[in-house]
Amino acid sequence: MIIVFEPAATAEQVQHVYDRLQEWGFTPVLQEGAQASIAITGDSSSLKAETLEAFDGVQKAVRLTQPYKLVAREFKPEGTIIERDGVKIGGKHFAVLAGPCSVETEEQYLATARAVKKSGAKVLRACIYKPRTSPYDFQGVAEKGLPWLKKAKDETGLPLCTEVMDERAIEKTLAHVDFYQVGARNMQNYDLLRALGKTDKPIVLKRGLSATVKELLLAAEYIMAYGNHDVILCERGIRTYETATRFTLDVGAVPVLRQLTHLPIIVDPSHPAGKRSLVPALSKAGLAVGSDGLIIETHPDPERAWSDAAQQLTFDQFDQLMKELRPIAGAVGRTMD
């Protein structure tokens, strides 16, 4: 159940309802903002809407039929804007996260950081762990790359986003990175989601290879239920019968998610494309359909990349794409500044 307060409701009125719910044995979660709301997690079947609507300041009480509560649009109608180190994702802000598929060497990473910064990226991909389908493929440089990440951030000022696969990796990187990424293969790694819910870092949660929109939202609910409300959903393509592209980019999922959740939504055009020639078109589609950002792979010499060589953009290609995205952003009421 979601309790929505009048825009003019006082802090005392909101707190009174919150305290009363706790007295009754429920677990309320407060969302402050222009219009406060309280989500009641767990079984609230014994509560009647008219009981709650009788409290001063309460506009309405809505019983949700879907299993997710905290991610629901009803919990925060105005939408969430996530801010870290001056970077905003959501609202009118359109942010591009960019960098190599994987960190390989100090030289490669610093060159990429400088290039994407120059072209206007707002967040730097910093993947030192790589979950791979084959155990024989490159698995990442791991903690060896942490000093390189620090150098890149110190030089460019860009916040870092790294993928983690378990709680040990979180502990090792917590002091070094600004965003965490949950890869598609770990979207339903519930131990990982719980652990990330206990951090104060924004989480980029990628949709699983065969996951439904509902399953993606429930994965986000896990993170939020454990305390971290800074979650960014990422549509990165799903597995279908079509083989012309690596995955099928579900552009329709973006407006669907916009209706269902207040969380920011970004698009990964690199993985569904599978080849760099398709990345610009999918990037523009992601922007035009209403996403809040993109996460794009780029590399100083893609043909020699240690992972996902075919889909990474050269620096010149990335720079050209950023120039082409700006007028589209302006046409749909977004800013990339």
C-alpha atoms as a PDB file:
ATOM      1  CA  MET A   1       0.000   0.000   0.000  1.00  0.00           C
ATOM      2  CA  ILE A   2       1.123   3.552  -0.808  1.00  0.00           C
ATOM      3  CA  ILE A   3      -0.011   6.585   1.216  1.00  0.00           C
ATOM      4  CA  VAL A   4       0.208   9.831  -0.757  1.00  0.00           C
ATOM      5  CA  PHE A   5       0.135  13.116   1.140  1.00  0.00           C
ATOM      6  CA  GLU A   6      -1.277  16.458   0.084  1.00  0.00           C
ATOM      7  CA  PRO A   7       1.377  18.772  -1.399  1.00  0.00           C
ATOM      8  CA  ALA A   8       0.755  21.144   1.531  1.00  0.00           C
ATOM      9  CA  ALA A   9       1.010  18.434   4.207  1.00  0.00           C
ATOM     10  CA  THR A  10       3.333  19.382   7.054  1.00  0.00           C
ATOM     11  CA  ALA A  11       6.323  17.377   8.235  1.00  0.00           C
ATOM     12  CA  GLU A  12       4.500  16.822  11.518  1.00  0.00           C
ATOM     13  CA  GLN A  13       1.461  15.336   9.757  1.00  0.00           C
ATOM     14  CA  VAL A  14       3.666  12.971   7.740  1.00  0.00           C
ATOM     15  CA  GLN A  15       5.640  11.931  10.815  1.00  0.00           C
ATOM     16  CA  HIS A  16       2.426  11.297  12.754  1.00  0.00           C
ATOM     17  CA  VAL A  17       1.211   8.796  10.149  1.00  0.00           C
ATOM     18  CA  TYR A  18       4.654   7.182   9.992  1.00  0.00           C
ATOM     19  CA  ASP A  19       4.786   6.770  13.777  1.00  0.00           C
ATOM     20  CA  ARG A  20       1.264   5.384  13.952  1.00  0.00           C
ATOM     21  CA  LEU A  21       2.073   2.746  11.305  1.00  0.00           C
ATOM     22  CA  GLN A  22       5.069   1.641  13.331  1.00  0.00           C
ATOM     23  CA  GLU A  23       2.908   1.421  16.449  1.00  0.00           C
ATOM     24  CA  TRP A  24       0.541  -0.844  14.532  1.00  0.00           C
ATOM     25  CA  GLY A  25       3.422  -3.195  13.663  1.00  0.00           C
ATOM     26  CA  PHE A  26       3.950  -2.243  10.014  1.00  0.00           C
ATOM     27  CA  THR A  27       7.219  -1.351   8.228  1.00  0.00           C
ATOM     28  CA  PRO A  28       6.761   2.065   6.581  1.00  0.00           C
ATOM     29  CA  VAL A  29       9.235   3.579   4.138  1.00  0.00           C
ATOM     30  CA  LEU A  30       9.092   7.360   3.804  1.00  0.00           C
ATOM     31  CA  GLN A  31       9.693   9.169   0.522  1.00  0.00           C
ATOM     32  CA  GLU A  32      10.208  12.886   1.031  1.00  0.00           C
ATOM     33  CA  GLY A  33       9.931  15.434  -1.742  1.00  0.00           C
ATOM     34  CA  ALA A  34       7.502  17.868  -3.297  1.00  0.00           C
ATOM     35  CA  GLN A  35       4.733  15.422  -2.403  1.00  0.00           C
ATOM     36  CA  ALA A  36       5.612  13.012   0.404  1.00  0.00           C
ATOM     37  CA  SER A  37       4.517   9.387   0.355  1.00  0.00           C
ATOM     38  CA  ILE A  38       4.857   6.316   2.534  1.00  0.00           C
ATOM     39  CA  ALA A  39       5.116   2.763   1.240  1.00  0.00           C
ATOM     40  CA  ILE A  40       4.050  -0.068   3.522  1.00  0.00           C
ATOM     41  CA  THR A  41       6.115  -3.139   2.706  1.00  0.00           C
ATOM     42  CA  GLY A  42       4.972  -6.608   3.651  1.00  0.00           C
ATOM     43  CA  ASP A  43       1.387  -7.645   4.362  1.00  0.00           C
ATOM     44  CA  SER A  44      -0.894  -4.623   4.747  1.00  0.00           C
ATOM     45  CA  SER A  45      -4.156  -6.450   4.015  1.00  0.00           C
ATOM     46  CA  SER A  46      -5.551  -5.587   7.467  1.00  0.00           C
ATOM     47  CA  LEU A  47      -5.300  -1.854   6.767  1.00  0.00           C
ATOM     48  CA  LYS A  48      -8.254  -0.052   5.228  1.00  0.00           C
ATOM     49  CA  ALA A  49      -7.736   2.877   2.879  1.00  0.00           C
ATOM     50  CA  GLU A  50     -10.435   4.926   4.593  1.00  0.00           C
ATOM     51  CA  THR A  51      -8.607   4.556   7.925  1.00  0.00           C
ATOM     52  CA  LEU A  52      -5.473   6.080   6.479  1.00  0.00           C
ATOM     53  CA  GLU A  53      -7.271   8.748   4.476  1.00  0.00           C
ATOM     54  CA  ALA A  54      -8.826  10.024   7.710  1.00  0.00           C
ATOM     55  CA  PHE A  55      -5.418  11.306   8.893  1.00  0.00           C
ATOM     56  CA  ASP A  56      -4.767  15.022   8.401  1.00  0.00           C
ATOM     57  CA  GLY A  57      -2.581  15.680   5.362  1.00  0.00           C
ATOM     58  CA  VAL A  58      -3.272  12.371   3.602  1.00  0.00           C
ATOM     59  CA  GLN A  59      -4.525  12.760   0.028  1.00  0.00           C
ATOM     60  CA  LYS A  60      -5.126   9.082  -0.745  1.00  0.00           C
ATOM     61  CA  ALA A  61      -4.141   5.539   0.147  1.00  0.00           C
ATOM     62  CA  VAL A  62      -3.635   3.186  -2.793  1.00  0.00           C
ATOM     63  CA  ARG A  63      -3.456  -0.582  -2.543  1.00  0.00           C
ATOM     64  CA  LEU A  64      -1.004  -1.801  -5.190  1.00  0.00           C
ATOM     65  CA  THR A  65      -1.661  -5.052  -6.996  1.00  0.00           C
ATOM     66  CA  GLN A  66       1.903  -5.462  -8.264  1.00  0.00           C
ATOM     67  CA  PRO A  67       4.489  -7.065  -5.938  1.00  0.00           C
ATOM     68  CA  TYR A  68       6.916  -4.125  -6.079  1.00  0.00           C
ATOM     69  CA  LYS A  69       6.214  -1.067  -3.922  1.00  0.00           C
ATOM     70  CA  LEU A  70       9.277   1.137  -3.537  1.00  0.00           C
ATOM     71  CA  VAL A  71      10.058   1.286  -7.256  1.00  0.00           C
ATOM     72  CA  ALA A  72       6.441   2.031  -8.186  1.00  0.00           C
ATOM     73  CA  ARG A  73       5.554   5.331  -9.837  1.00  0.00           C
ATOM     74  CA  GLU A  74       2.832   5.779  -7.198  1.00  0.00           C
ATOM     75  CA  PHE A  75       5.509   5.927  -4.471  1.00  0.00           C
ATOM     76  CA  LYS A  76       7.178   8.949  -6.084  1.00  0.00           C
ATOM     77  CA  PRO A  77       5.056  10.451  -8.876  1.00  0.00           C
ATOM     78  CA  GLU A  78       7.519  13.217  -9.772  1.00  0.00           C
ATOM     79  CA  GLY A  79      10.325  10.821 -10.693  1.00  0.00           C
ATOM     80  CA  THR A  80      13.791  10.345  -9.236  1.00  0.00           C
ATOM     81  CA  ILE A  81      16.879  12.316 -10.219  1.00  0.00           C
ATOM     82  CA  ILE A  82      20.125  10.702  -9.090  1.00  0.00           C
ATOM     83  CA  GLU A  83      23.088  12.980  -8.486  1.00  0.00           C
ATOM     84  CA  ARG A  84      26.683  12.034  -7.751  1.00  0.00           C
ATOM     85  CA  ASP A  85      29.754  14.268  -8.047  1.00  0.00           C
ATOM     86  CA  GLY A  86      27.763  16.910  -9.909  1.00  0.00           C
ATOM     87  CA  VAL A  87      26.363  14.426 -12.459  1.00  0.00           C
ATOM     88  CA  LYS A  88      22.568  14.220 -12.681  1.00  0.00           C
ATOM     89  CA  ILE A  89      20.661  11.325 -14.233  1.00  0.00           C
ATOM     90  CA  GLY A  90      16.906  11.718 -14.615  1.00  0.00           C
ATOM     91  CA  GLY A  91      14.490  14.594 -15.099  1.00  0.00           C
ATOM     92  CA  LYS A  92      15.699  16.737 -17.996  1.00  0.00           C
ATOM     93  CA  HIS A  93      19.294  15.571 -17.579  1.00  0.00           C
ATOM     94  CA  PHE A  94      20.623  13.140 -20.205  1.00  0.00           C
ATOM     95  CA  ALA A  95      23.948  11.587 -19.216  1.00  0.00           C
ATOM     96  CA  VAL A  96      26.308   9.408 -21.231  1.00  0.00           C
ATOM     97  CA  LEU A  97      28.415   6.826 -19.402  1.00  0.00           C
ATOM     98  CA  ALA A  98      31.336   5.694 -21.534  1.00  0.00           C
ATOM     99  CA  GLY A  99      34.612   3.817 -21.510  1.00  0.00           C
ATOM    100  CA  PRO A 100      36.114   0.493 -22.487  1.00  0.00           C
ATOM    101  CA  CYS A 101      34.275  -2.798 -22.111  1.00  0.00           C
ATOM    102  CA  SER A 102      37.063  -3.774 -19.746  1.00  0.00           C
ATOM    103  CA  VAL A 103      40.063  -2.080 -18.213  1.00  0.00           C
ATOM    104  CA  GLU A 104      43.137  -3.653 -19.823  1.00  0.00           C
ATOM    105  CA  THR A 105      46.220  -1.540 -19.185  1.00  0.00           C
ATOM    106  CA  GLU A 106      46.976   1.786 -17.558  1.00  0.00           C
ATOM    107  CA  GLU A 107      47.807   3.352 -20.915  1.00  0.00           C
ATOM    108  CA  GLN A 108      44.612   2.090 -22.562  1.00  0.00           C
ATOM    109  CA  TYR A 109      42.423   3.238 -19.706  1.00  0.00           C
ATOM    110  CA  LEU A 110      43.883   6.710 -19.282  1.00  0.00           C
ATOM    111  CA  ALA A 111      43.696   7.344 -23.025  1.00  0.00           C
ATOM    112  CA  THR A 112      40.036   6.324 -23.052  1.00  0.00           C
ATOM    113  CA  ALA A 113      39.210   8.436 -20.012  1.00  0.00           C
ATOM    114  CA  ARG A 114      40.724  11.517 -21.628  1.00  0.00           C
ATOM    115  CA  ALA A 115      38.903  10.924 -24.911  1.00  0.00           C
ATOM    116  CA  VAL A 116      35.410  10.382 -23.500  1.00  0.00           C
ATOM    117  CA  LYS A 117      35.816  13.344 -21.142  1.00  0.00           C
ATOM    118  CA  LYS A 118      36.726  15.568 -24.082  1.00  0.00           C
ATOM    119  CA  SER A 119      33.668  14.391 -26.011  1.00  0.00           C
ATOM    120  CA  GLY A 120      31.260  15.090 -23.170  1.00  0.00           C
ATOM    121  CA  ALA A 121      30.742  11.835 -21.263  1.00  0.00           C
ATOM    122  CA  LYS A 122      29.636  12.333 -17.656  1.00  0.00           C
ATOM    123  CA  VAL A 123      30.571   8.978 -16.074  1.00  0.00           C
ATOM    124  CA  LEU A 124      33.518   6.698 -16.833  1.00  0.00           C
ATOM    125  CA  ARG A 125      33.090   2.944 -17.211  1.00  0.00           C
ATOM    126  CA  ALA A 126      35.614   1.308 -14.886  1.00  0.00           C
ATOM    127  CA  CYS A 127      35.135  -2.436 -15.309  1.00  0.00           C
ATOM    128  CA  ILE A 128      37.982  -4.343 -13.668  1.00  0.00           C
ATOM    129  CA  TYR A 129      35.903  -7.510 -13.154  1.00  0.00           C
ATOM    130  CA  LYS A 130      34.354  -9.209 -16.178  1.00  0.00           C
ATOM    131  CA  PRO A 131      31.747 -11.999 -15.909  1.00  0.00           C
ATOM    132  CA  ARG A 132      32.176 -13.970 -19.131  1.00  0.00           C
ATOM    133  CA  THR A 133      30.171 -16.765 -20.699  1.00  0.00           C
ATOM    134  CA  SER A 134      33.317 -18.830 -21.237  1.00  0.00           C
ATOM    135  CA  PRO A 135      35.693 -19.510 -18.307  1.00  0.00           C
ATOM    136  CA  TYR A 136      38.587 -19.211 -20.750  1.00  0.00           C
ATOM    137  CA  ASP A 137      37.853 -15.631 -21.801  1.00  0.00           C
ATOM    138  CA  PHE A 138      39.498 -12.572 -20.226  1.00  0.00           C
ATOM    139  CA  GLN A 139      38.016 -12.082 -16.753  1.00  0.00           C
ATOM    140  CA  GLY A 140      39.337  -8.597 -15.958  1.00  0.00           C
ATOM    141  CA  VAL A 141      42.423  -7.168 -14.258  1.00  0.00           C
ATOM    142  CA  ALA A 142      40.681  -7.073 -10.845  1.00  0.00           C
ATOM    143  CA  GLU A 143      42.317  -5.032  -8.042  1.00  0.00           C
ATOM    144  CA  LYS A 144      45.457  -4.511 -10.119  1.00  0.00           C
ATOM    145  CA  GLY A 145      43.506  -1.815 -11.969  1.00  0.00           C
ATOM    146  CA  LEU A 146      42.456   0.245  -8.945  1.00  0.00           C
ATOM    147  CA  PRO A 147      45.451   2.646  -9.144  1.00  0.00           C
ATOM    148  CA  TRP A 148      44.643   3.220 -12.835  1.00  0.00           C
ATOM    149  CA  LEU A 149      41.046   4.097 -11.946  1.00  0.00           C
ATOM    150  CA  LYS A 150      42.288   6.611  -9.392  1.00  0.00           C
ATOM    151  CA  LYS A 151      44.608   8.236 -11.921  1.00  0.00           C
ATOM    152  CA  ALA A 152      41.800   8.495 -14.464  1.00  0.00           C
ATOM    153  CA  LYS A 153      39.422  10.086 -11.972  1.00  0.00           C
ATOM    154  CA  ASP A 154      42.058  12.468 -10.599  1.00  0.00           C
ATOM    155  CA  GLU A 155      42.926  13.650 -14.108  1.00  0.00           C
ATOM    156  CA  THR A 156      39.445  13.892 -15.654  1.00  0.00           C
ATOM    157  CA  GLY A 157      37.204  14.447 -12.636  1.00  0.00           C
ATOM    158  CA  LEU A 158      34.759  11.872 -14.010  1.00  0.00           C
ATOM    159  CA  PRO A 159      32.987   9.622 -11.485  1.00  0.00           C
ATOM    160  CA  LEU A 160      33.664   5.899 -11.938  1.00  0.00           C
ATOM    161  CA  CYS A 161      31.194   3.074 -12.562  1.00  0.00           C
ATOM    162  CA  THR A 162      32.410  -0.477 -12.020  1.00  0.00           C
ATOM    163  CA  GLU A 163      30.694  -3.843 -12.274  1.00  0.00           C
ATOM    164  CA  VAL A 164      30.810  -6.156  -9.265  1.00  0.00           C
ATOM    165  CA  MET A 165      29.775  -9.794  -8.939  1.00  0.00           C
ATOM    166  CA  ASP A 166      29.949 -10.467  -5.204  1.00  0.00           C
ATOM    167  CA  GLU A 167      30.237  -8.836  -1.802  1.00  0.00           C
ATOM    168  CA  ARG A 168      34.030  -9.235  -1.700  1.00  0.00           C
ATOM    169  CA  ALA A 169      34.387  -7.064  -4.795  1.00  0.00           C
ATOM    170  CA  ILE A 170      32.178  -4.421  -3.187  1.00  0.00           C
ATOM    171  CA  GLU A 171      34.431  -4.318  -0.125  1.00  0.00           C
ATOM    172  CA  LYS A 172      37.578  -4.012  -2.260  1.00  0.00           C
ATOM    173  CA  THR A 173      36.249  -1.176  -4.423  1.00  0.00           C
ATOM    174  CA  LEU A 174      33.992   0.761  -2.054  1.00  0.00           C
ATOM    175  CA  ALA A 175      36.509   3.533  -1.427  1.00  0.00           C
ATOM    176  CA  HIS A 176      37.492   3.849  -5.083  1.00  0.00           C
ATOM    177  CA  VAL A 177      34.336   4.036  -7.229  1.00  0.00           C
ATOM    178  CA  ASP A 178      31.195   6.166  -7.381  1.00  0.00           C
ATOM    179  CA  PHE A 179      28.628   3.945  -9.138  1.00  0.00           C
ATOM    180  CA  TYR A 180      28.170   0.188  -9.119  1.00  0.00           C
ATOM    181  CA  GLN A 181      26.909  -1.795 -12.085  1.00  0.00           C
ATOM    182  CA  VAL A 182      24.998  -5.068 -11.878  1.00  0.00           C
ATOM    183  CA  GLY A 183      25.533  -6.955 -15.120  1.00  0.00           C
ATOM    184  CA  ALA A 184      22.768  -8.751 -16.979  1.00  0.00           C
ATOM    185  CA  ARG A 185      23.963 -12.150 -15.763  1.00  0.00           C
ATOM    186  CA  ASN A 186      23.719 -11.005 -12.141  1.00  0.00           C
ATOM    187  CA  MET A 187      20.359  -9.230 -12.238  1.00  0.00           C
ATOM    188  CA  GLN A 188      18.851 -11.998 -10.103  1.00  0.00           C
ATOM    189  CA  ASN A 189      21.896 -12.565  -7.903  1.00  0.00           C
ATOM    190  CA  TYR A 190      19.896 -11.740  -4.781  1.00  0.00           C
ATOM    191  CA  ASP A 191      22.833 -11.900  -2.361  1.00  0.00           C
ATOM    192  CA  LEU A 192      24.584  -9.281  -4.494  1.00  0.00           C
ATOM    193  CA  LEU A 193      21.459  -7.112  -4.680  1.00  0.00           C
ATOM    194  CA  ARG A 194      21.044  -7.235  -0.901  1.00  0.00           C
ATOM    195  CA  ALA A 195      24.684  -6.256  -0.386  1.00  0.00           C
ATOM    196  CA  LEU A 196      24.405  -3.338  -2.820  1.00  0.00           C
ATOM    197  CA  GLY A 197      21.268  -2.234  -1.007  1.00  0.00           C
ATOM    198  CA  LYS A 198      23.430  -1.611   2.057  1.00  0.00           C
ATOM    199  CA  THR A 199      25.815   0.731   0.199  1.00  0.00           C
ATOM    200  CA  ASP A 200      25.398   4.435  -0.492  1.00  0.00           C
ATOM    201  CA  LYS A 201      26.473   4.206  -4.139  1.00  0.00           C
ATOM    202  CA  PRO A 202      24.080   4.634  -7.085  1.00  0.00           C
ATOM    203  CA  ILE A 203      23.438   1.274  -8.764  1.00  0.00           C
ATOM    204  CA  VAL A 204      23.145   0.733 -12.533  1.00  0.00           C
ATOM    205  CA  LEU A 205      20.974  -2.377 -12.758  1.00  0.00           C
ATOM    206  CA  LYS A 206      21.046  -4.070 -16.151  1.00  0.00           C
ATOM    207  CA  ARG A 207      18.108  -6.108 -17.392  1.00  0.00           C
ATOM    208  CA  GLY A 208      18.827  -9.823 -17.601  1.00  0.00           C
ATOM    209  CA  LEU A 209      19.216 -11.584 -20.935  1.00  0.00           C
ATOM    210  CA  SER A 210      15.747 -13.152 -20.704  1.00  0.00           C
ATOM    211  CA  ALA A 211      14.190 -11.064 -17.936  1.00  0.00           C
ATOM    212  CA  THR A 212      10.747  -9.512 -18.106  1.00  0.00           C
ATOM    213  CA  VAL A 213      10.130  -5.895 -17.172  1.00  0.00           C
ATOM    214  CA  LYS A 214       8.454  -7.120 -13.979  1.00  0.00           C
ATOM    215  CA  GLU A 215      11.512  -9.182 -13.022  1.00  0.00           C
ATOM    216  CA  LEU A 216      13.768  -6.157 -13.606  1.00  0.00           C
ATOM    217  CA  LEU A 217      11.596  -4.026 -11.329  1.00  0.00           C
ATOM    218  CA  LEU A 218      11.579  -6.695  -8.626  1.00  0.00           C
ATOM    219  CA  ALA A 219      15.386  -6.865  -8.796  1.00  0.00           C
ATOM    220  CA  ALA A 220      15.441  -3.101  -8.218  1.00  0.00           C
ATOM    221  CA  GLU A 221      13.004  -3.591  -5.348  1.00  0.00           C
ATOM    222  CA  TYR A 222      15.547  -5.884  -3.653  1.00  0.00           C
ATOM    223  CA  ILE A 223      18.154  -3.119  -3.658  1.00  0.00           C
ATOM    224  CA  MET A 224      15.710  -0.493  -2.420  1.00  0.00           C
ATOM    225  CA  ALA A 225      14.212  -2.763   0.238  1.00  0.00           C
ATOM    226  CA  TYR A 226      17.668  -2.998   1.834  1.00  0.00           C
ATOM    227  CA  GLY A 227      18.053   0.775   2.021  1.00  0.00           C
ATOM    228  CA  ASN A 228      19.581   2.070  -1.229  1.00  0.00           C
ATOM    229  CA  HIS A 229      17.056   4.080  -3.259  1.00  0.00           C
ATOM    230  CA  ASP A 230      19.556   5.317  -5.883  1.00  0.00           C
ATOM    231  CA  VAL A 231      18.883   2.747  -8.600  1.00  0.00           C
ATOM    232  CA  ILE A 232      19.215   3.336 -12.352  1.00  0.00           C
ATOM    233  CA  LEU A 233      17.537   0.781 -14.618  1.00  0.00           C
ATOM    234  CA  CYS A 234      19.350  -0.223 -17.808  1.00  0.00           C
ATOM    235  CA  GLU A 235      17.749  -1.745 -20.905  1.00  0.00           C
ATOM    236  CA  ARG A 236      20.587  -3.614 -22.651  1.00  0.00           C
ATOM    237  CA  GLY A 237      18.782  -5.924 -25.052  1.00  0.00           C
ATOM    238  CA  ILE A 238      17.169  -9.309 -24.508  1.00  0.00           C
ATOM    239  CA  ARG A 239      17.546 -12.708 -26.131  1.00  0.00           C
ATOM    240  CA  THR A 240      14.949 -13.439 -28.810  1.00  0.00           C
ATOM    241  CA  TYR A 241      14.741 -15.652 -31.895  1.00  0.00           C
ATOM    242  CA  GLU A 242      16.376 -12.879 -33.968  1.00  0.00           C
ATOM    243  CA  THR A 243      20.095 -13.353 -34.712  1.00  0.00           C
ATOM    244  CA  ALA A 244      20.779 -10.351 -36.960  1.00  0.00           C
ATOM    245  CA  THR A 245      21.902  -8.447 -33.882  1.00  0.00           C
ATOM    246  CA  ARG A 246      23.653  -9.779 -30.794  1.00  0.00           C
ATOM    247  CA  PHE A 247      20.535  -9.111 -28.697  1.00  0.00           C
ATOM    248  CA  THR A 248      17.221  -7.400 -29.417  1.00  0.00           C
ATOM    249  CA  LEU A 249      17.076  -3.882 -28.007  1.00  0.00           C
ATOM    250  CA  ASP A 250      13.639  -3.571 -26.417  1.00  0.00           C
ATOM    251  CA  VAL A 251      13.044   0.142 -27.002  1.00  0.00           C
ATOM    252  CA  GLY A 252       9.408  -0.340 -26.010  1.00  0.00           C
ATOM    253  CA  ALA A 253      10.539  -1.232 -22.491  1.00  0.00           C
ATOM    254  CA  VAL A 254      11.656   2.363 -21.897  1.00  0.00           C
ATOM    255  CA  PRO A 255       8.205   4.042 -22.115  1.00  0.00           C
ATOM    256  CA  VAL A 256       6.663   1.050 -20.321  1.00  0.00           C
ATOM    257  CA  LEU A 257       9.108   1.471 -17.445  1.00  0.00           C
ATOM    258  CA  ARG A 258       8.487   5.219 -17.453  1.00  0.00           C
ATOM    259  CA  GLN A 259       4.824   4.525 -16.667  1.00  0.00           C
ATOM    260  CA  LEU A 260       5.549   1.911 -14.000  1.00  0.00           C
ATOM    261  CA  THR A 261       8.463   3.380 -12.044  1.00  0.00           C
ATOM    262  CA  HIS A 262       9.947   6.661 -10.852  1.00  0.00           C
ATOM    263  CA  LEU A 263      13.515   5.381 -11.313  1.00  0.00           C
ATOM    264  CA  PRO A 264      15.805   6.741 -14.064  1.00  0.00           C
ATOM    265  CA  ILE A 265      16.200   4.531 -17.142  1.00  0.00           C
ATOM    266  CA  ILE A 266      19.237   4.332 -19.401  1.00  0.00           C
ATOM    267  CA  VAL A 267      19.979   2.303 -22.539  1.00  0.00           C
ATOM    268  CA  ASP A 268      23.050   0.256 -23.420  1.00  0.00           C
ATOM    269  CA  PRO A 269      23.256   0.265 -27.249  1.00  0.00           C
ATOM    270  CA  SER A 270      26.587  -1.564 -27.438  1.00  0.00           C
ATOM    271  CA  HIS A 271      25.526  -5.041 -26.318  1.00  0.00           C
ATOM    272  CA  PRO A 272      22.365  -5.399 -28.420  1.00  0.00           C
ATOM    273  CA  ALA A 273      24.196  -4.029 -31.471  1.00  0.00           C
ATOM    274  CA  GLY A 274      27.099  -6.446 -31.277  1.00  0.00           C
ATOM    275  CA  LYS A 275      28.834  -4.418 -33.993  1.00  0.00           C
ATOM    276  CA  ARG A 276      29.998  -0.826 -33.844  1.00  0.00           C
ATOM    277  CA  SER A 277      28.260   0.237 -37.059  1.00  0.00           C
ATOM    278  CA  LEU A 278      24.860  -0.219 -35.368  1.00  0.00           C
ATOM    279  CA  VAL A 279      25.660   1.576 -32.111  1.00  0.00           C
ATOM    280  CA  PRO A 280      24.913   5.147 -33.318  1.00  0.00           C
ATOM    281  CA  ALA A 281      21.406   4.268 -34.561  1.00  0.00           C
ATOM    282  CA  LEU A 282      20.505   2.377 -31.390  1.00  0.00           C
ATOM    283  CA  SER A 283      21.898   5.219 -29.274  1.00  0.00           C
ATOM    284  CA  LYS A 284      19.675   7.733 -31.034  1.00  0.00           C
ATOM    285  CA  ALA A 285      16.683   5.433 -30.653  1.00  0.00           C
ATOM    286  CA  GLY A 286      17.341   5.147 -26.928  1.00  0.00           C
ATOM    287  CA  LEU A 287      17.460   8.919 -26.560  1.00  0.00           C
ATOM    288  CA  ALA A 288      14.408   9.542 -28.752  1.00  0.00           C
ATOM    289  CA  VAL A 289      12.239   6.984 -26.946  1.00  0.00           C
ATOM    290  CA  GLY A 290      12.731   8.706 -23.590  1.00  0.00           C
ATOM    291  CA  SER A 291      15.711   7.215 -21.769  1.00  0.00           C
ATOM    292  CA  ASP A 292      17.703   9.275 -19.281  1.00  0.00           C
ATOM    293  CA  GLY A 293      21.109   8.278 -20.609  1.00  0.00           C
ATOM    294  CA  LEU A 294      23.306   5.816 -22.474  1.00  0.00           C
ATOM    295  CA  ILE A 295      26.188   3.544 -21.521  1.00  0.00           C
ATOM    296  CA  ILE A 296      28.518   3.172 -24.500  1.00  0.00           C
ATOM    297  CA  GLU A 297      31.703   1.161 -24.993  1.00  0.00           C
ATOM    298  CA  THR A 298      34.698   2.849 -26.601  1.00  0.00           C
ATOM    299  CA  HIS A 299      38.350   1.860 -26.981  1.00  0.00           C
ATOM    300  CA  PRO A 300      41.569   3.357 -28.428  1.00  0.00           C
ATOM    301  CA  ASP A 301      41.986   0.374 -30.770  1.00  0.00           C
ATOM    302  CA  PRO A 302      38.787  -1.724 -30.787  1.00  0.00           C
ATOM    303  CA  GLU A 303      40.157  -4.421 -33.070  1.00  0.00           C
ATOM    304  CA  ARG A 304      42.728  -5.284 -30.398  1.00  0.00           C
ATOM    305  CA  ALA A 305      40.338  -5.069 -27.438  1.00  0.00           C
ATOM    306  CA  TRP A 306      40.541  -7.962 -24.982  1.00  0.00           C
ATOM    307  CA  SER A 307      36.741  -8.255 -24.821  1.00  0.00           C
ATOM    308  CA  ASP A 308      33.789  -7.287 -27.049  1.00  0.00           C
ATOM    309  CA  ALA A 309      36.061  -5.964 -29.791  1.00  0.00           C
ATOM    310  CA  ALA A 310      33.342  -5.836 -32.461  1.00  0.00           C
ATOM    311  CA  GLN A 311      31.002  -3.444 -30.644  1.00  0.00           C
ATOM    312  CA  GLN A 312      33.365  -0.837 -29.191  1.00  0.00           C
ATOM    313  CA  LEU A 313      33.585   2.578 -30.868  1.00  0.00           C
ATOM    314  CA  THR A 314      36.809   4.324 -31.785  1.00  0.00           C
ATOM    315  CA  PHE A 315      37.400   7.707 -30.168  1.00  0.00           C
ATOM    316  CA  ASP A 316      36.496   9.505 -33.400  1.00  0.00           C
ATOM    317  CA  GLN A 317      33.278   7.505 -33.748  1.00  0.00           C
ATOM    318  CA  PHE A 318      32.305   8.253 -30.161  1.00  0.00           C
ATOM    319  CA  ASP A 319      33.026  11.955 -30.579  1.00  0.00           C
ATOM    320  CA  GLN A 320      30.920  12.108 -33.746  1.00  0.00           C
ATOM    321  CA  LEU A 321      28.060  10.265 -32.048  1.00  0.00           C
ATOM    322  CA  MET A 322      28.069  12.712 -29.127  1.00  0.00           C
ATOM    323  CA  LYS A 323      27.802  15.615 -31.591  1.00  0.00           C
ATOM    324  CA  GLU A 324      24.851  13.937 -33.316  1.00  0.00           C
ATOM    325  CA  LEU A 325      23.063  13.227 -30.031  1.00  0.00           C
ATOM    326  CA  ARG A 326      22.999  16.839 -28.842  1.00  0.00           C
ATOM    327  CA  PRO A 327      20.388  18.217 -31.288  1.00  0.00           C
ATOM    328  CA  ILE A 328      18.187  15.159 -30.661  1.00  0.00           C
ATOM    329  CA  ALA A 329      18.430  15.770 -26.926  1.00  0.00           C
ATOM    330  CA  GLY A 330      17.362  19.355 -27.419  1.00  0.00           C
ATOM    331  CA  ALA A 331      14.430  18.318 -29.609  1.00  0.00           C
ATOM    332  CA  VAL A 332      13.044  16.024 -26.881  1.00  0.00           C
ATOM    333  CA  GLY A 333      13.572  18.537 -24.073  1.00  0.00           C
ATOM    334  CA  ARG A 334      16.777  17.109 -22.624  1.00  0.00           C
ATOM    335  CA  THR A 335      20.120  18.678 -21.825  1.00  0.00           C
ATOM    336  CA  MET A 336      23.528  17.001 -22.100  1.00  0.00           C
ATOM    337  CA  ASP A 337      25.378  19.828 -20.322  1.00  0.00           C
END
